[in-house]
Amino acid sequence: MAATPQPALAFWTDSEALECVSYLPETPQTATFTFQAPSGALFRFDPGQFITLELPVPGGPLHRTYTISSSPSRPISLTVTVKAQPGSIGTRWMLDSLRPGMRVKAIGPAGEFSNARHAAAKYLFISAGSGITPMMSMTTRMYDAGRDMDIVFINCARRPSDIIFRQRLEHMASRSPGISLTWVVEEPDPYSPWTGIKGQFNQLILGLVAPDYLDREVFCCGPEPFMRAVREALAGLGYDMARYHQESFHAPAAQAEQVPDDVVPDEDSAVEISFTRSGKRTKVAETETLLAAARAAGVAVPSGCTFGVCGTCKLRKTEGQVHMVHNGGITDDDIAAGYILACCSHPIGNVTLEA
């Protein structure tokens, strides 16, 4: 008897809210949240990509962008591992208030920081703090594939107790000779011995733990001062920086939409911005961003990073010209279809947007 054909499994899209199904503290200020699609849809993304969550904090929704820490090889759920920094609002709310059963809206996934886009025989993953999250996703993806791999994994933290995913990564390394782990801490924990490397990342540590670094594809993620130290160490040793990739939600070098060289925003020119869905209009200077124009008009436009990385504020432009300076948060296909990022686009004359 012929087998009954099974229906194709659906993949999640960001039109469906995510349901939090588990909350796992990692360190005193860090936790992992696991989400599933209420419909049962599976998740599809590249390891290392990020997602933007709409957090219902007091005072109104807040959009925050987080790297996905789970692997696409485990598509039933999606996890983000977040660390609250001093003064944080969104992440603090997640740690204090987001619990299983609650649902949040999400946008994505998105991002170019993934070893899936840079195939190599050997990798060097260098991270600090919560910058370990994309490395965890990429490492888990390769581990789950069951094939031979060659990863040198360096993670830097203030103390041993601040190392995120330590036990899980050490378990994978114990089952795969292709994962070489090195932890670097600035200081030991009180009353707890530390027998690993102490200090800050430098060329000596690089040479000791990855003597063949010139042959490896490098992925780096962490605070900007840390990534700058890594870049300088590699460049000073003659590394081919075309094989260096980094992820940061601080503004990197910008990419601009093509506009005539002699067309630039004019501080003295007042232009009209029209929003077709809400029916609202506002006049602003050409030096104002379209996101600022939307807020001035009372039009709610979601935004996350505010400098063109996350893509949360993507809108379709139906009329007019803009000068857009973005940092990878929008694709060439989107631009060709008329989309812009409101946070980093300035109007050149009157502009009409679908919002």
C-alpha atoms as a PDB file:
ATOM      1  CA  MET A   1       0.000   0.000   0.000  1.00  0.00           C
ATOM      2  CA  ALA A   2       1.351   3.397  -0.969  1.00  0.00           C
ATOM      3  CA  ALA A   3       2.410   5.633   1.902  1.00  0.00           C
ATOM      4  CA  THR A   4       0.200   8.594   2.651  1.00  0.00           C
ATOM      5  CA  PRO A   5       1.997  11.754   1.585  1.00  0.00           C
ATOM      6  CA  GLN A   6       2.864  13.996   4.518  1.00  0.00           C
ATOM      7  CA  PRO A   7       2.115  17.723   4.366  1.00  0.00           C
ATOM      8  CA  ALA A   8       5.112  19.987   3.917  1.00  0.00           C
ATOM      9  CA  LEU A   9       6.302  21.606   7.129  1.00  0.00           C
ATOM     10  CA  ALA A  10       5.765  25.352   7.249  1.00  0.00           C
ATOM     11  CA  PHE A  11       8.550  27.765   8.092  1.00  0.00           C
ATOM     12  CA  TRP A  12       8.032  30.632  10.499  1.00  0.00           C
ATOM     13  CA  THR A  13       7.632  34.168   9.196  1.00  0.00           C
ATOM     14  CA  ASP A  14       7.671  37.296  11.298  1.00  0.00           C
ATOM     15  CA  SER A  15       3.943  37.806  10.747  1.00  0.00           C
ATOM     16  CA  GLU A  16       3.490  35.358  13.652  1.00  0.00           C
ATOM     17  CA  ALA A  17       4.376  36.323  17.215  1.00  0.00           C
ATOM     18  CA  LEU A  18       6.855  34.145  19.085  1.00  0.00           C
ATOM     19  CA  GLU A  19       5.943  32.346  22.296  1.00  0.00           C
ATOM     20  CA  CYS A  20       8.531  32.141  25.068  1.00  0.00           C
ATOM     21  CA  VAL A  21       8.739  28.506  26.185  1.00  0.00           C
ATOM     22  CA  SER A  22      11.737  28.582  28.522  1.00  0.00           C
ATOM     23  CA  TYR A  23      13.971  30.926  30.489  1.00  0.00           C
ATOM     24  CA  LEU A  24      17.462  29.811  31.528  1.00  0.00           C
ATOM     25  CA  PRO A  25      19.808  32.035  33.590  1.00  0.00           C
ATOM     26  CA  GLU A  26      23.386  31.790  32.288  1.00  0.00           C
ATOM     27  CA  THR A  27      25.277  34.295  34.457  1.00  0.00           C
ATOM     28  CA  PRO A  28      24.034  36.906  36.978  1.00  0.00           C
ATOM     29  CA  GLN A  29      23.157  39.354  34.161  1.00  0.00           C
ATOM     30  CA  THR A  30      22.671  36.945  31.254  1.00  0.00           C
ATOM     31  CA  ALA A  31      19.864  34.571  30.315  1.00  0.00           C
ATOM     32  CA  THR A  32      18.786  32.423  27.391  1.00  0.00           C
ATOM     33  CA  PHE A  33      15.192  32.653  26.180  1.00  0.00           C
ATOM     34  CA  THR A  34      13.754  29.910  23.977  1.00  0.00           C
ATOM     35  CA  PHE A  35      10.910  30.696  21.606  1.00  0.00           C
ATOM     36  CA  GLN A  36       8.615  28.572  19.475  1.00  0.00           C
ATOM     37  CA  ALA A  37       6.019  29.420  16.859  1.00  0.00           C
ATOM     38  CA  PRO A  38       2.512  28.789  18.261  1.00  0.00           C
ATOM     39  CA  SER A  39       1.548  27.347  14.861  1.00  0.00           C
ATOM     40  CA  GLY A  40       4.308  24.739  15.084  1.00  0.00           C
ATOM     41  CA  ALA A  41       6.229  26.278  12.188  1.00  0.00           C
ATOM     42  CA  LEU A  42       9.968  25.602  11.989  1.00  0.00           C
ATOM     43  CA  PHE A  43      12.723  28.199  12.001  1.00  0.00           C
ATOM     44  CA  ARG A  44      15.009  28.782   9.029  1.00  0.00           C
ATOM     45  CA  PHE A  45      18.060  31.046   9.260  1.00  0.00           C
ATOM     46  CA  ASP A  46      21.816  31.074   8.786  1.00  0.00           C
ATOM     47  CA  PRO A  47      23.917  30.506  11.924  1.00  0.00           C
ATOM     48  CA  GLY A  48      25.116  33.883  13.153  1.00  0.00           C
ATOM     49  CA  GLN A  49      22.087  35.877  11.999  1.00  0.00           C
ATOM     50  CA  PHE A  50      20.074  38.105  14.326  1.00  0.00           C
ATOM     51  CA  ILE A  51      16.427  38.825  15.096  1.00  0.00           C
ATOM     52  CA  THR A  52      14.704  41.971  16.332  1.00  0.00           C
ATOM     53  CA  LEU A  53      12.208  41.619  19.191  1.00  0.00           C
ATOM     54  CA  GLU A  54       9.406  44.071  19.928  1.00  0.00           C
ATOM     55  CA  LEU A  55       9.436  44.292  23.721  1.00  0.00           C
ATOM     56  CA  PRO A  56       6.306  45.600  25.512  1.00  0.00           C
ATOM     57  CA  VAL A  57       8.163  47.658  28.077  1.00  0.00           C
ATOM     58  CA  PRO A  58       6.356  50.273  30.185  1.00  0.00           C
ATOM     59  CA  GLY A  59       5.979  53.420  28.128  1.00  0.00           C
ATOM     60  CA  GLY A  60       5.527  51.699  24.777  1.00  0.00           C
ATOM     61  CA  PRO A  61       7.059  49.019  22.540  1.00  0.00           C
ATOM     62  CA  LEU A  62      10.851  48.937  22.322  1.00  0.00           C
ATOM     63  CA  HIS A  63      12.731  47.169  19.526  1.00  0.00           C
ATOM     64  CA  ARG A  64      15.975  45.421  20.366  1.00  0.00           C
ATOM     65  CA  THR A  65      18.178  43.287  18.118  1.00  0.00           C
ATOM     66  CA  TYR A  66      19.805  40.067  19.371  1.00  0.00           C
ATOM     67  CA  THR A  67      21.922  37.415  17.699  1.00  0.00           C
ATOM     68  CA  ILE A  68      20.282  33.997  17.544  1.00  0.00           C
ATOM     69  CA  SER A  69      22.248  31.652  19.800  1.00  0.00           C
ATOM     70  CA  SER A  70      20.579  28.412  18.673  1.00  0.00           C
ATOM     71  CA  SER A  71      21.406  26.504  15.504  1.00  0.00           C
ATOM     72  CA  PRO A  72      19.249  26.099  12.368  1.00  0.00           C
ATOM     73  CA  SER A  73      20.003  22.377  12.649  1.00  0.00           C
ATOM     74  CA  ARG A  74      17.570  22.407  15.602  1.00  0.00           C
ATOM     75  CA  PRO A  75      14.651  24.173  13.895  1.00  0.00           C
ATOM     76  CA  ILE A  76      11.834  23.455  16.360  1.00  0.00           C
ATOM     77  CA  SER A  77      12.842  26.408  18.518  1.00  0.00           C
ATOM     78  CA  LEU A  78      14.860  29.605  18.397  1.00  0.00           C
ATOM     79  CA  THR A  79      16.905  31.031  21.246  1.00  0.00           C
ATOM     80  CA  VAL A  80      18.452  34.368  22.072  1.00  0.00           C
ATOM     81  CA  THR A  81      20.974  34.821  24.871  1.00  0.00           C
ATOM     82  CA  VAL A  82      20.919  38.362  26.209  1.00  0.00           C
ATOM     83  CA  LYS A  83      23.113  40.269  28.622  1.00  0.00           C
ATOM     84  CA  ALA A  84      21.893  43.328  30.503  1.00  0.00           C
ATOM     85  CA  GLN A  85      24.316  46.235  30.370  1.00  0.00           C
ATOM     86  CA  PRO A  86      24.222  49.132  32.853  1.00  0.00           C
ATOM     87  CA  GLY A  87      21.278  51.342  31.965  1.00  0.00           C
ATOM     88  CA  SER A  88      19.680  48.842  29.595  1.00  0.00           C
ATOM     89  CA  ILE A  89      15.891  48.953  29.328  1.00  0.00           C
ATOM     90  CA  GLY A  90      14.836  46.242  26.895  1.00  0.00           C
ATOM     91  CA  THR A  91      17.212  43.515  28.046  1.00  0.00           C
ATOM     92  CA  ARG A  92      16.545  44.390  31.691  1.00  0.00           C
ATOM     93  CA  TRP A  93      12.819  43.940  31.048  1.00  0.00           C
ATOM     94  CA  MET A  94      13.467  40.554  29.473  1.00  0.00           C
ATOM     95  CA  LEU A  95      15.503  39.333  32.442  1.00  0.00           C
ATOM     96  CA  ASP A  96      12.988  40.602  34.976  1.00  0.00           C
ATOM     97  CA  SER A  97       9.662  40.036  33.228  1.00  0.00           C
ATOM     98  CA  LEU A  98       9.740  37.809  30.130  1.00  0.00           C
ATOM     99  CA  ARG A  99       8.721  34.295  31.103  1.00  0.00           C
ATOM    100  CA  PRO A 100       7.275  31.148  29.475  1.00  0.00           C
ATOM    101  CA  GLY A 101       3.795  31.617  28.051  1.00  0.00           C
ATOM    102  CA  MET A 102       4.313  35.233  27.028  1.00  0.00           C
ATOM    103  CA  ARG A 103       4.383  36.225  23.364  1.00  0.00           C
ATOM    104  CA  VAL A 104       6.401  38.911  21.617  1.00  0.00           C
ATOM    105  CA  LYS A 105       6.480  40.157  18.061  1.00  0.00           C
ATOM    106  CA  ALA A 106       9.684  39.676  16.099  1.00  0.00           C
ATOM    107  CA  ILE A 107      11.261  40.855  12.847  1.00  0.00           C
ATOM    108  CA  GLY A 108      13.792  38.839  10.887  1.00  0.00           C
ATOM    109  CA  PRO A 109      15.975  36.865  10.808  1.00  0.00           C
ATOM    110  CA  ALA A 110      18.582  39.006   9.060  1.00  0.00           C
ATOM    111  CA  GLY A 111      22.314  39.652   8.882  1.00  0.00           C
ATOM    112  CA  GLU A 112      25.381  38.696   6.865  1.00  0.00           C
ATOM    113  CA  PHE A 113      27.640  37.511   9.702  1.00  0.00           C
ATOM    114  CA  SER A 114      27.652  33.757   9.101  1.00  0.00           C
ATOM    115  CA  ASN A 115      30.163  31.090   8.182  1.00  0.00           C
ATOM    116  CA  ALA A 116      27.454  29.736   5.872  1.00  0.00           C
ATOM    117  CA  ARG A 117      28.418  32.633   3.585  1.00  0.00           C
ATOM    118  CA  HIS A 118      32.165  32.072   3.927  1.00  0.00           C
ATOM    119  CA  ALA A 119      32.946  28.378   3.560  1.00  0.00           C
ATOM    120  CA  ALA A 120      36.425  27.421   4.760  1.00  0.00           C
ATOM    121  CA  ALA A 121      38.344  24.343   5.812  1.00  0.00           C
ATOM    122  CA  LYS A 122      39.472  25.955   9.072  1.00  0.00           C
ATOM    123  CA  TYR A 123      37.916  28.614  11.278  1.00  0.00           C
ATOM    124  CA  LEU A 124      39.063  30.861  14.096  1.00  0.00           C
ATOM    125  CA  PHE A 125      36.239  32.187  16.282  1.00  0.00           C
ATOM    126  CA  ILE A 126      37.222  35.043  18.615  1.00  0.00           C
ATOM    127  CA  SER A 127      34.645  36.554  20.948  1.00  0.00           C
ATOM    128  CA  ALA A 128      34.167  38.443  24.179  1.00  0.00           C
ATOM    129  CA  GLY A 129      31.192  38.584  26.512  1.00  0.00           C
ATOM    130  CA  SER A 130      27.839  38.058  24.823  1.00  0.00           C
ATOM    131  CA  GLY A 131      29.659  38.175  21.480  1.00  0.00           C
ATOM    132  CA  ILE A 132      29.947  34.425  21.967  1.00  0.00           C
ATOM    133  CA  THR A 133      26.332  33.937  20.811  1.00  0.00           C
ATOM    134  CA  PRO A 134      26.866  33.815  17.006  1.00  0.00           C
ATOM    135  CA  MET A 135      29.914  31.584  17.544  1.00  0.00           C
ATOM    136  CA  MET A 136      27.736  29.202  19.561  1.00  0.00           C
ATOM    137  CA  SER A 137      25.220  29.033  16.721  1.00  0.00           C
ATOM    138  CA  MET A 138      27.871  28.414  14.059  1.00  0.00           C
ATOM    139  CA  THR A 139      29.745  25.843  16.148  1.00  0.00           C
ATOM    140  CA  THR A 140      26.560  23.937  17.003  1.00  0.00           C
ATOM    141  CA  ARG A 141      25.549  23.874  13.342  1.00  0.00           C
ATOM    142  CA  MET A 142      28.856  22.276  12.327  1.00  0.00           C
ATOM    143  CA  TYR A 143      28.812  19.910  15.315  1.00  0.00           C
ATOM    144  CA  ASP A 144      25.297  18.706  14.457  1.00  0.00           C
ATOM    145  CA  ALA A 145      26.349  17.989  10.876  1.00  0.00           C
ATOM    146  CA  GLY A 146      28.561  15.190  12.223  1.00  0.00           C
ATOM    147  CA  ARG A 147      31.357  15.898   9.742  1.00  0.00           C
ATOM    148  CA  ASP A 148      35.010  16.627  10.439  1.00  0.00           C
ATOM    149  CA  MET A 149      35.594  20.263  11.343  1.00  0.00           C
ATOM    150  CA  ASP A 150      38.467  22.443  12.434  1.00  0.00           C
ATOM    151  CA  ILE A 151      37.527  25.273  14.790  1.00  0.00           C
ATOM    152  CA  VAL A 152      39.812  27.161  17.145  1.00  0.00           C
ATOM    153  CA  PHE A 153      37.467  28.910  19.562  1.00  0.00           C
ATOM    154  CA  ILE A 154      38.760  31.757  21.760  1.00  0.00           C
ATOM    155  CA  ASN A 155      36.427  33.456  24.215  1.00  0.00           C
ATOM    156  CA  CYS A 156      37.394  36.278  26.549  1.00  0.00           C
ATOM    157  CA  ALA A 157      35.527  37.190  29.730  1.00  0.00           C
ATOM    158  CA  ARG A 158      36.063  39.215  32.857  1.00  0.00           C
ATOM    159  CA  ARG A 159      35.861  36.183  35.178  1.00  0.00           C
ATOM    160  CA  PRO A 160      35.350  32.431  34.724  1.00  0.00           C
ATOM    161  CA  SER A 161      31.784  32.742  36.044  1.00  0.00           C
ATOM    162  CA  ASP A 162      31.042  35.219  33.231  1.00  0.00           C
ATOM    163  CA  ILE A 163      31.789  32.713  30.468  1.00  0.00           C
ATOM    164  CA  ILE A 164      28.532  31.968  28.657  1.00  0.00           C
ATOM    165  CA  PHE A 165      27.924  28.435  27.293  1.00  0.00           C
ATOM    166  CA  ARG A 166      31.104  27.117  28.913  1.00  0.00           C
ATOM    167  CA  GLN A 167      29.706  23.701  29.861  1.00  0.00           C
ATOM    168  CA  ARG A 168      27.883  23.192  26.565  1.00  0.00           C
ATOM    169  CA  LEU A 169      30.898  24.086  24.471  1.00  0.00           C
ATOM    170  CA  GLU A 170      33.199  21.901  26.580  1.00  0.00           C
ATOM    171  CA  HIS A 171      30.775  19.011  26.097  1.00  0.00           C
ATOM    172  CA  MET A 172      30.867  19.457  22.308  1.00  0.00           C
ATOM    173  CA  ALA A 173      34.651  19.729  22.384  1.00  0.00           C
ATOM    174  CA  SER A 174      34.845  16.503  24.408  1.00  0.00           C
ATOM    175  CA  ARG A 175      32.898  14.709  21.681  1.00  0.00           C
ATOM    176  CA  SER A 176      34.675  16.269  18.692  1.00  0.00           C
ATOM    177  CA  PRO A 177      38.450  16.580  18.276  1.00  0.00           C
ATOM    178  CA  GLY A 178      37.804  19.323  15.720  1.00  0.00           C
ATOM    179  CA  ILE A 179      36.853  21.901  18.362  1.00  0.00           C
ATOM    180  CA  SER A 180      39.737  23.492  20.280  1.00  0.00           C
ATOM    181  CA  LEU A 181      38.581  25.754  23.124  1.00  0.00           C
ATOM    182  CA  THR A 182      40.537  28.471  24.898  1.00  0.00           C
ATOM    183  CA  TRP A 183      39.114  30.651  27.661  1.00  0.00           C
ATOM    184  CA  VAL A 184      40.851  33.931  28.513  1.00  0.00           C
ATOM    185  CA  VAL A 185      39.818  35.801  31.683  1.00  0.00           C
ATOM    186  CA  GLU A 186      40.968  39.083  33.167  1.00  0.00           C
ATOM    187  CA  GLU A 187      40.730  37.917  36.778  1.00  0.00           C
ATOM    188  CA  PRO A 188      39.796  34.744  38.707  1.00  0.00           C
ATOM    189  CA  ASP A 189      36.622  34.292  40.698  1.00  0.00           C
ATOM    190  CA  PRO A 190      36.956  34.690  44.464  1.00  0.00           C
ATOM    191  CA  TYR A 191      37.691  31.390  46.225  1.00  0.00           C
ATOM    192  CA  SER A 192      37.925  29.551  42.899  1.00  0.00           C
ATOM    193  CA  PRO A 193      41.233  28.604  41.240  1.00  0.00           C
ATOM    194  CA  TRP A 194      41.778  29.400  37.569  1.00  0.00           C
ATOM    195  CA  THR A 195      44.390  27.437  35.658  1.00  0.00           C
ATOM    196  CA  GLY A 196      43.755  28.881  32.199  1.00  0.00           C
ATOM    197  CA  ILE A 197      45.026  32.038  30.525  1.00  0.00           C
ATOM    198  CA  LYS A 198      44.739  35.333  32.406  1.00  0.00           C
ATOM    199  CA  GLY A 199      44.974  38.721  30.749  1.00  0.00           C
ATOM    200  CA  GLN A 200      43.577  40.321  27.622  1.00  0.00           C
ATOM    201  CA  PHE A 201      43.650  39.107  24.029  1.00  0.00           C
ATOM    202  CA  ASN A 202      46.963  39.837  22.303  1.00  0.00           C
ATOM    203  CA  GLN A 203      49.274  38.537  19.594  1.00  0.00           C
ATOM    204  CA  LEU A 204      51.031  36.167  21.985  1.00  0.00           C
ATOM    205  CA  ILE A 205      47.776  34.412  22.903  1.00  0.00           C
ATOM    206  CA  LEU A 206      46.853  34.236  19.232  1.00  0.00           C
ATOM    207  CA  GLY A 207      50.148  32.597  18.326  1.00  0.00           C
ATOM    208  CA  LEU A 208      49.936  30.114  21.206  1.00  0.00           C
ATOM    209  CA  VAL A 209      46.418  28.832  20.624  1.00  0.00           C
ATOM    210  CA  ALA A 210      46.168  29.231  16.840  1.00  0.00           C
ATOM    211  CA  PRO A 211      49.679  29.073  15.352  1.00  0.00           C
ATOM    212  CA  ASP A 212      48.134  28.489  11.913  1.00  0.00           C
ATOM    213  CA  TYR A 213      45.920  31.576  12.133  1.00  0.00           C
ATOM    214  CA  LEU A 214      47.061  32.707   8.673  1.00  0.00           C
ATOM    215  CA  ASP A 215      45.256  29.705   7.215  1.00  0.00           C
ATOM    216  CA  ARG A 216      41.976  30.275   9.051  1.00  0.00           C
ATOM    217  CA  GLU A 217      38.816  32.233   8.290  1.00  0.00           C
ATOM    218  CA  VAL A 218      38.323  34.568  11.248  1.00  0.00           C
ATOM    219  CA  PHE A 219      34.993  35.538  12.803  1.00  0.00           C
ATOM    220  CA  CYS A 220      35.018  38.065  15.625  1.00  0.00           C
ATOM    221  CA  CYS A 221      32.258  39.467  17.831  1.00  0.00           C
ATOM    222  CA  GLY A 222      32.303  41.541  20.998  1.00  0.00           C
ATOM    223  CA  PRO A 223      32.557  45.128  22.217  1.00  0.00           C
ATOM    224  CA  GLU A 224      34.114  47.510  19.713  1.00  0.00           C
ATOM    225  CA  PRO A 225      37.353  48.099  21.724  1.00  0.00           C
ATOM    226  CA  PHE A 226      37.846  44.323  21.864  1.00  0.00           C
ATOM    227  CA  MET A 227      37.261  43.885  18.134  1.00  0.00           C
ATOM    228  CA  ARG A 228      39.616  46.753  17.390  1.00  0.00           C
ATOM    229  CA  ALA A 229      42.342  44.998  19.416  1.00  0.00           C
ATOM    230  CA  VAL A 230      41.712  41.782  17.453  1.00  0.00           C
ATOM    231  CA  ARG A 231      41.854  43.611  14.109  1.00  0.00           C
ATOM    232  CA  GLU A 232      45.079  45.360  15.054  1.00  0.00           C
ATOM    233  CA  ALA A 233      46.674  42.123  16.277  1.00  0.00           C
ATOM    234  CA  LEU A 234      45.815  40.271  13.067  1.00  0.00           C
ATOM    235  CA  ALA A 235      46.770  43.109  10.737  1.00  0.00           C
ATOM    236  CA  GLY A 236      50.065  43.577  12.577  1.00  0.00           C
ATOM    237  CA  LEU A 237      50.907  39.916  11.939  1.00  0.00           C
ATOM    238  CA  GLY A 238      50.206  40.116   8.226  1.00  0.00           C
ATOM    239  CA  TYR A 239      46.817  38.391   8.232  1.00  0.00           C
ATOM    240  CA  ASP A 240      44.718  38.748   5.069  1.00  0.00           C
ATOM    241  CA  MET A 241      41.973  41.012   6.432  1.00  0.00           C
ATOM    242  CA  ALA A 242      39.699  40.124   3.520  1.00  0.00           C
ATOM    243  CA  ARG A 243      39.155  36.875   5.451  1.00  0.00           C
ATOM    244  CA  TYR A 244      38.245  38.711   8.668  1.00  0.00           C
ATOM    245  CA  HIS A 245      34.533  39.067   9.517  1.00  0.00           C
ATOM    246  CA  GLN A 246      33.003  40.835  12.488  1.00  0.00           C
ATOM    247  CA  GLU A 247      29.561  41.420  13.949  1.00  0.00           C
ATOM    248  CA  SER A 248      28.669  44.493  15.913  1.00  0.00           C
ATOM    249  CA  PHE A 249      25.571  46.548  16.587  1.00  0.00           C
ATOM    250  CA  HIS A 250      27.685  49.676  16.722  1.00  0.00           C
ATOM    251  CA  ALA A 251      27.803  51.632  13.507  1.00  0.00           C
ATOM    252  CA  PRO A 252      30.458  50.213  11.125  1.00  0.00           C
ATOM    253  CA  ALA A 253      31.697  51.692   7.877  1.00  0.00           C
ATOM    254  CA  ALA A 254      28.696  52.872   5.909  1.00  0.00           C
ATOM    255  CA  GLN A 255      27.353  51.987   2.502  1.00  0.00           C
ATOM    256  CA  ALA A 256      25.329  54.559   0.623  1.00  0.00           C
ATOM    257  CA  GLU A 257      22.432  54.273  -1.782  1.00  0.00           C
ATOM    258  CA  GLN A 258      23.470  55.499  -5.216  1.00  0.00           C
ATOM    259  CA  VAL A 259      22.516  59.171  -5.672  1.00  0.00           C
ATOM    260  CA  PRO A 260      24.142  61.838  -7.829  1.00  0.00           C
ATOM    261  CA  ASP A 261      27.329  63.141  -6.280  1.00  0.00           C
ATOM    262  CA  ASP A 262      26.036  66.708  -6.303  1.00  0.00           C
ATOM    263  CA  VAL A 263      22.763  65.847  -4.536  1.00  0.00           C
ATOM    264  CA  VAL A 264      23.104  66.102  -0.759  1.00  0.00           C
ATOM    265  CA  PRO A 265      20.619  66.934   2.014  1.00  0.00           C
ATOM    266  CA  ASP A 266      20.126  70.694   2.409  1.00  0.00           C
ATOM    267  CA  GLU A 267      19.758  72.019   5.938  1.00  0.00           C
ATOM    268  CA  ASP A 268      17.743  75.011   4.724  1.00  0.00           C
ATOM    269  CA  SER A 269      15.305  73.058   2.512  1.00  0.00           C
ATOM    270  CA  ALA A 270      11.950  72.146   4.069  1.00  0.00           C
ATOM    271  CA  VAL A 271      10.325  69.179   2.338  1.00  0.00           C
ATOM    272  CA  GLU A 272       7.043  67.342   2.819  1.00  0.00           C
ATOM    273  CA  ILE A 273       6.919  63.726   3.910  1.00  0.00           C
ATOM    274  CA  SER A 274       3.627  61.921   3.253  1.00  0.00           C
ATOM    275  CA  PHE A 275       2.550  58.654   4.871  1.00  0.00           C
ATOM    276  CA  THR A 276      -0.064  56.899   2.766  1.00  0.00           C
ATOM    277  CA  ARG A 277      -1.482  54.362   5.244  1.00  0.00           C
ATOM    278  CA  SER A 278      -1.947  56.769   8.132  1.00  0.00           C
ATOM    279  CA  GLY A 279      -2.808  59.724   5.909  1.00  0.00           C
ATOM    280  CA  LYS A 280      -0.411  61.977   7.816  1.00  0.00           C
ATOM    281  CA  ARG A 281       2.035  64.548   6.529  1.00  0.00           C
ATOM    282  CA  THR A 282       4.856  66.563   8.016  1.00  0.00           C
ATOM    283  CA  LYS A 283       7.464  69.073   6.881  1.00  0.00           C
ATOM    284  CA  VAL A 284      11.100  68.605   7.864  1.00  0.00           C
ATOM    285  CA  ALA A 285      14.541  69.749   6.804  1.00  0.00           C
ATOM    286  CA  GLU A 286      16.385  67.508   4.369  1.00  0.00           C
ATOM    287  CA  THR A 287      18.956  66.857   7.076  1.00  0.00           C
ATOM    288  CA  GLU A 288      16.336  65.073   9.215  1.00  0.00           C
ATOM    289  CA  THR A 289      15.996  61.314   8.889  1.00  0.00           C
ATOM    290  CA  LEU A 290      12.733  59.808   7.721  1.00  0.00           C
ATOM    291  CA  LEU A 291      12.466  58.037  11.083  1.00  0.00           C
ATOM    292  CA  ALA A 292      12.548  61.432  12.822  1.00  0.00           C
ATOM    293  CA  ALA A 293       9.961  62.689  10.337  1.00  0.00           C
ATOM    294  CA  ALA A 294       7.671  59.768  11.100  1.00  0.00           C
ATOM    295  CA  ARG A 295       7.910  60.394  14.831  1.00  0.00           C
ATOM    296  CA  ALA A 296       7.223  64.095  14.318  1.00  0.00           C
ATOM    297  CA  ALA A 297       4.085  63.170  12.376  1.00  0.00           C
ATOM    298  CA  GLY A 298       2.963  60.682  15.021  1.00  0.00           C
ATOM    299  CA  VAL A 299       3.472  57.699  12.720  1.00  0.00           C
ATOM    300  CA  ALA A 300       4.659  54.580  14.549  1.00  0.00           C
ATOM    301  CA  VAL A 301       7.648  53.098  12.697  1.00  0.00           C
ATOM    302  CA  PRO A 302       9.478  50.231  14.457  1.00  0.00           C
ATOM    303  CA  SER A 303      13.210  50.802  14.882  1.00  0.00           C
ATOM    304  CA  GLY A 304      16.054  48.948  16.516  1.00  0.00           C
ATOM    305  CA  CYS A 305      19.696  49.866  16.045  1.00  0.00           C
ATOM    306  CA  THR A 306      19.027  53.340  14.463  1.00  0.00           C
ATOM    307  CA  PHE A 307      22.076  53.195  12.186  1.00  0.00           C
ATOM    308  CA  GLY A 308      21.152  50.840   9.378  1.00  0.00           C
ATOM    309  CA  VAL A 309      22.234  47.430  10.667  1.00  0.00           C
ATOM    310  CA  CYS A 310      19.142  45.582  11.835  1.00  0.00           C
ATOM    311  CA  GLY A 311      16.637  46.503   9.105  1.00  0.00           C
ATOM    312  CA  THR A 312      13.749  46.946  11.557  1.00  0.00           C
ATOM    313  CA  CYS A 313      12.669  50.322  10.128  1.00  0.00           C
ATOM    314  CA  LYS A 314      12.372  49.171   6.501  1.00  0.00           C
ATOM    315  CA  LEU A 315       9.633  51.044   4.619  1.00  0.00           C
ATOM    316  CA  ARG A 316       8.535  51.175   1.001  1.00  0.00           C
ATOM    317  CA  LYS A 317       9.087  54.500  -0.733  1.00  0.00           C
ATOM    318  CA  THR A 318       6.484  55.149  -3.448  1.00  0.00           C
ATOM    319  CA  GLU A 319       7.545  58.645  -4.510  1.00  0.00           C
ATOM    320  CA  GLY A 320      10.599  60.837  -4.221  1.00  0.00           C
ATOM    321  CA  GLN A 321      14.312  60.423  -3.701  1.00  0.00           C
ATOM    322  CA  VAL A 322      16.325  59.795  -0.548  1.00  0.00           C
ATOM    323  CA  HIS A 323      19.956  59.731   0.424  1.00  0.00           C
ATOM    324  CA  MET A 324      20.406  56.488   2.386  1.00  0.00           C
ATOM    325  CA  VAL A 325      23.549  55.577   4.296  1.00  0.00           C
ATOM    326  CA  HIS A 326      23.153  52.079   5.690  1.00  0.00           C
ATOM    327  CA  ASN A 327      25.330  49.367   7.200  1.00  0.00           C
ATOM    328  CA  GLY A 328      23.987  46.181   5.669  1.00  0.00           C
ATOM    329  CA  GLY A 329      20.449  46.212   7.068  1.00  0.00           C
ATOM    330  CA  ILE A 330      18.815  46.176   3.642  1.00  0.00           C
ATOM    331  CA  THR A 331      19.457  44.104   0.528  1.00  0.00           C
ATOM    332  CA  ASP A 332      20.011  45.288  -3.033  1.00  0.00           C
ATOM    333  CA  ASP A 333      16.783  43.516  -4.013  1.00  0.00           C
ATOM    334  CA  ASP A 334      14.859  45.462  -1.372  1.00  0.00           C
ATOM    335  CA  ILE A 335      16.347  48.738  -2.597  1.00  0.00           C
ATOM    336  CA  ALA A 336      15.428  47.845  -6.186  1.00  0.00           C
ATOM    337  CA  ALA A 337      11.859  47.169  -4.997  1.00  0.00           C
ATOM    338  CA  GLY A 338      11.653  50.665  -3.517  1.00  0.00           C
ATOM    339  CA  TYR A 339      12.401  49.992   0.136  1.00  0.00           C
ATOM    340  CA  ILE A 340      14.508  52.252   2.356  1.00  0.00           C
ATOM    341  CA  LEU A 341      15.648  52.252   5.973  1.00  0.00           C
ATOM    342  CA  ALA A 342      13.961  55.156   7.720  1.00  0.00           C
ATOM    343  CA  CYS A 343      16.631  55.529  10.406  1.00  0.00           C
ATOM    344  CA  CYS A 344      19.415  56.350   7.959  1.00  0.00           C
ATOM    345  CA  SER A 345      17.584  57.920   5.002  1.00  0.00           C
ATOM    346  CA  HIS A 346      17.337  61.646   4.378  1.00  0.00           C
ATOM    347  CA  PRO A 347      14.773  63.077   1.947  1.00  0.00           C
ATOM    348  CA  ILE A 348      15.912  64.839  -1.194  1.00  0.00           C
ATOM    349  CA  GLY A 349      12.751  66.777  -1.964  1.00  0.00           C
ATOM    350  CA  ASN A 350       9.248  65.558  -1.152  1.00  0.00           C
ATOM    351  CA  VAL A 351       8.919  61.853  -0.303  1.00  0.00           C
ATOM    352  CA  THR A 352       5.936  59.504   0.042  1.00  0.00           C
ATOM    353  CA  LEU A 353       6.161  56.385   2.213  1.00  0.00           C
ATOM    354  CA  GLU A 354       3.896  53.426   2.894  1.00  0.00           C
ATOM    355  CA  ALA A 355       3.345  53.874   6.626  1.00  0.00           C
END
